[in-house]
């Protein structure tokens, strides 16, 4: 079940709520009982690249083909 992060405009508290996605936009009061809260945008890192963890990163930028071939 996803967690959503909120901030209370009244007291400034930041808190998380775990709820189903279907309830993602339901109004939420802060733990102190204030109703003026906003849902924050959270960044989520999802693993599973499946690659070799020791692989070297490819060079980027420059060259005729973006630099991957070293030209």
N, C-alpha and C. Protein backbone atom coordinates (compact mmCIF):
# COMPACT_ATOMS: atom_id res chain seq x y z
N UNK A 1 0.85 -1.17 0.00
CA UNK A 1 0.00 0.00 0.00
C UNK A 1 0.90 1.24 0.00
N UNK A 2 0.62 2.19 -0.87
CA UNK A 2 1.47 3.38 -0.96
C UNK A 2 1.35 4.31 0.24
N UNK A 3 2.42 5.06 0.45
CA UNK A 3 2.45 6.09 1.50
C UNK A 3 2.42 7.45 0.83
N UNK A 4 1.68 8.35 1.39
CA UNK A 4 1.57 9.70 0.88
C UNK A 4 2.06 10.67 1.96
N UNK A 5 2.83 11.66 1.54
CA UNK A 5 3.38 12.63 2.47
C UNK A 5 2.57 13.92 2.40
N UNK A 6 2.26 14.46 3.55
CA UNK A 6 1.46 15.68 3.65
C UNK A 6 2.18 16.70 4.53
N UNK A 7 1.82 17.97 4.35
CA UNK A 7 2.31 19.04 5.22
C UNK A 7 1.11 19.85 5.68
N UNK A 8 1.08 20.16 6.96
CA UNK A 8 0.01 20.96 7.54
C UNK A 8 0.36 22.43 7.39
N UNK A 9 -0.53 23.19 6.81
CA UNK A 9 -0.30 24.64 6.65
C UNK A 9 -0.45 25.39 7.97
N UNK A 10 -1.22 24.83 8.89
CA UNK A 10 -1.47 25.51 10.17
C UNK A 10 -0.28 25.39 11.12
N UNK A 11 0.27 24.18 11.27
CA UNK A 11 1.35 24.00 12.25
C UNK A 11 2.70 23.66 11.62
N UNK A 12 2.72 23.40 10.30
CA UNK A 12 3.97 23.11 9.62
C UNK A 12 4.45 21.68 9.74
N UNK A 13 3.70 20.82 10.42
CA UNK A 13 4.08 19.42 10.59
C UNK A 13 4.04 18.69 9.25
N UNK A 14 5.01 17.82 9.02
CA UNK A 14 5.03 16.95 7.85
C UNK A 14 4.79 15.53 8.34
N UNK A 15 3.88 14.82 7.68
CA UNK A 15 3.53 13.48 8.13
C UNK A 15 3.17 12.60 6.95
N UNK A 16 3.16 11.29 7.17
CA UNK A 16 2.84 10.32 6.13
C UNK A 16 1.56 9.59 6.47
N UNK A 17 0.82 9.21 5.42
CA UNK A 17 -0.39 8.41 5.58
C UNK A 17 -0.29 7.25 4.60
N UNK A 18 -0.54 6.06 5.09
CA UNK A 18 -0.55 4.87 4.24
C UNK A 18 -2.01 4.56 3.93
N UNK A 19 -2.34 4.52 2.63
CA UNK A 19 -3.72 4.28 2.22
C UNK A 19 -3.75 3.73 0.80
N UNK A 20 -4.86 3.13 0.39
CA UNK A 20 -4.97 2.62 -0.98
C UNK A 20 -4.91 3.76 -2.00
N UNK A 21 -4.47 3.45 -3.20
CA UNK A 21 -4.37 4.46 -4.26
C UNK A 21 -5.72 5.08 -4.56
N UNK A 22 -6.79 4.33 -4.42
CA UNK A 22 -8.13 4.88 -4.71
C UNK A 22 -8.49 6.02 -3.76
N UNK A 23 -7.83 6.09 -2.60
CA UNK A 23 -8.08 7.14 -1.62
C UNK A 23 -6.99 8.21 -1.62
N UNK A 24 -6.18 8.25 -2.66
CA UNK A 24 -5.03 9.16 -2.71
C UNK A 24 -5.43 10.63 -2.59
N UNK A 25 -6.60 11.00 -3.08
CA UNK A 25 -7.01 12.41 -3.08
C UNK A 25 -8.00 12.75 -1.98
N UNK A 26 -8.22 11.85 -1.03
CA UNK A 26 -9.13 12.12 0.08
C UNK A 26 -8.46 13.10 1.04
N UNK A 27 -9.20 14.12 1.48
CA UNK A 27 -8.66 15.11 2.43
C UNK A 27 -8.17 14.41 3.68
N UNK A 28 -7.07 14.92 4.24
CA UNK A 28 -6.43 14.31 5.40
C UNK A 28 -6.09 15.38 6.42
N UNK A 29 -6.48 15.15 7.66
CA UNK A 29 -6.12 16.07 8.74
C UNK A 29 -4.75 15.69 9.28
N UNK A 30 -4.03 16.67 9.83
CA UNK A 30 -2.73 16.38 10.42
C UNK A 30 -2.93 15.70 11.78
N UNK A 31 -1.87 15.11 12.34
CA UNK A 31 -1.99 14.45 13.64
C UNK A 31 -2.50 15.37 14.76
N UNK A 32 -2.29 16.69 14.62
CA UNK A 32 -2.78 17.64 15.62
C UNK A 32 -4.25 18.02 15.39
N UNK A 33 -4.84 17.52 14.29
CA UNK A 33 -6.25 17.77 14.03
C UNK A 33 -6.57 18.90 13.09
N UNK A 34 -5.56 19.56 12.53
CA UNK A 34 -5.80 20.65 11.58
C UNK A 34 -6.22 20.07 10.23
N UNK A 35 -7.18 20.73 9.59
CA UNK A 35 -7.69 20.25 8.30
C UNK A 35 -6.99 20.86 7.10
N UNK A 36 -6.21 21.91 7.27
CA UNK A 36 -5.57 22.61 6.15
C UNK A 36 -4.23 21.94 5.81
N UNK A 37 -4.29 20.82 5.06
CA UNK A 37 -3.09 20.09 4.70
C UNK A 37 -2.96 20.01 3.18
N UNK A 38 -1.73 19.81 2.72
CA UNK A 38 -1.46 19.65 1.30
C UNK A 38 -0.63 18.39 1.10
N UNK A 39 -0.94 17.66 0.03
CA UNK A 39 -0.17 16.46 -0.31
C UNK A 39 1.10 16.90 -1.02
N UNK A 40 2.24 16.38 -0.60
CA UNK A 40 3.52 16.73 -1.18
C UNK A 40 3.88 15.77 -2.30
N UNK A 41 4.66 16.23 -3.23
CA UNK A 41 5.18 15.36 -4.28
C UNK A 41 6.41 14.66 -3.73
N UNK A 42 6.43 13.36 -3.84
CA UNK A 42 7.55 12.58 -3.34
C UNK A 42 8.29 11.96 -4.50
N UNK A 43 9.59 11.85 -4.36
CA UNK A 43 10.38 11.14 -5.37
C UNK A 43 10.56 9.71 -4.90
N UNK A 44 10.39 8.80 -5.82
CA UNK A 44 10.49 7.38 -5.49
C UNK A 44 11.53 6.75 -6.39
N UNK A 45 12.47 6.04 -5.80
CA UNK A 45 13.47 5.31 -6.58
C UNK A 45 13.02 3.86 -6.65
N UNK A 46 12.85 3.37 -7.86
CA UNK A 46 12.44 1.99 -8.05
C UNK A 46 13.60 1.23 -8.65
N UNK A 47 14.06 0.20 -7.95
CA UNK A 47 15.20 -0.59 -8.43
C UNK A 47 14.76 -1.59 -9.47
N UNK A 48 15.66 -2.49 -9.78
CA UNK A 48 15.33 -3.55 -10.72
C UNK A 48 15.92 -3.33 -12.09
N UNK A 49 17.02 -2.58 -12.17
CA UNK A 49 17.66 -2.38 -13.46
C UNK A 49 18.18 -3.68 -14.05
N UNK A 50 18.49 -4.64 -13.19
CA UNK A 50 18.92 -5.94 -13.67
C UNK A 50 20.33 -5.96 -14.22
N UNK A 51 21.02 -4.84 -14.22
CA UNK A 51 22.36 -4.79 -14.78
C UNK A 51 23.42 -5.18 -13.77
N UNK A 52 24.64 -5.20 -14.23
CA UNK A 52 25.78 -5.51 -13.38
C UNK A 52 26.10 -4.31 -12.51
N UNK A 53 26.12 -4.51 -11.21
CA UNK A 53 26.36 -3.41 -10.29
C UNK A 53 27.77 -2.85 -10.41
N UNK A 54 28.71 -3.60 -11.00
CA UNK A 54 30.08 -3.14 -11.14
C UNK A 54 30.35 -2.53 -12.50
N UNK A 55 29.35 -2.48 -13.37
CA UNK A 55 29.53 -1.96 -14.73
C UNK A 55 29.90 -0.48 -14.68
N UNK A 56 30.78 -0.06 -15.56
CA UNK A 56 31.20 1.33 -15.65
C UNK A 56 30.17 2.13 -16.43
N UNK A 57 29.90 3.36 -16.02
CA UNK A 57 28.95 4.19 -16.78
C UNK A 57 29.53 4.56 -18.13
N UNK A 58 28.64 4.71 -19.10
CA UNK A 58 29.06 5.12 -20.44
C UNK A 58 29.34 6.60 -20.45
N UNK A 59 30.34 7.03 -21.23
CA UNK A 59 30.57 8.47 -21.36
C UNK A 59 29.38 9.11 -22.07
N UNK A 60 29.11 10.35 -21.76
CA UNK A 60 27.98 11.01 -22.40
C UNK A 60 28.40 12.36 -22.93
N UNK A 61 27.66 12.82 -23.91
CA UNK A 61 27.87 14.15 -24.47
C UNK A 61 28.99 14.19 -25.50
N UNK A 62 28.91 15.12 -26.40
CA UNK A 62 29.95 15.34 -27.40
C UNK A 62 29.94 14.32 -28.50
N UNK A 63 30.71 14.58 -29.54
CA UNK A 63 30.84 13.65 -30.65
C UNK A 63 29.61 13.58 -31.52
N UNK A 64 29.74 12.86 -32.63
CA UNK A 64 28.66 12.76 -33.59
C UNK A 64 27.55 11.83 -33.14
N UNK A 65 27.86 10.94 -32.21
CA UNK A 65 26.84 9.97 -31.79
C UNK A 65 26.58 10.07 -30.29
N UNK A 66 26.80 11.21 -29.68
CA UNK A 66 26.54 11.38 -28.27
C UNK A 66 27.70 11.01 -27.37
N UNK A 67 28.82 10.58 -27.95
CA UNK A 67 29.99 10.31 -27.16
C UNK A 67 30.16 8.88 -26.69
N UNK A 68 29.18 8.01 -26.91
CA UNK A 68 29.26 6.64 -26.43
C UNK A 68 30.37 5.86 -27.11
N UNK A 69 30.71 6.20 -28.35
CA UNK A 69 31.75 5.46 -29.04
C UNK A 69 33.13 6.10 -28.89
N UNK A 70 33.19 7.26 -28.25
CA UNK A 70 34.46 7.92 -28.01
C UNK A 70 34.96 8.71 -29.20
N UNK A 71 34.13 8.96 -30.20
CA UNK A 71 34.59 9.72 -31.38
C UNK A 71 34.63 11.20 -31.12
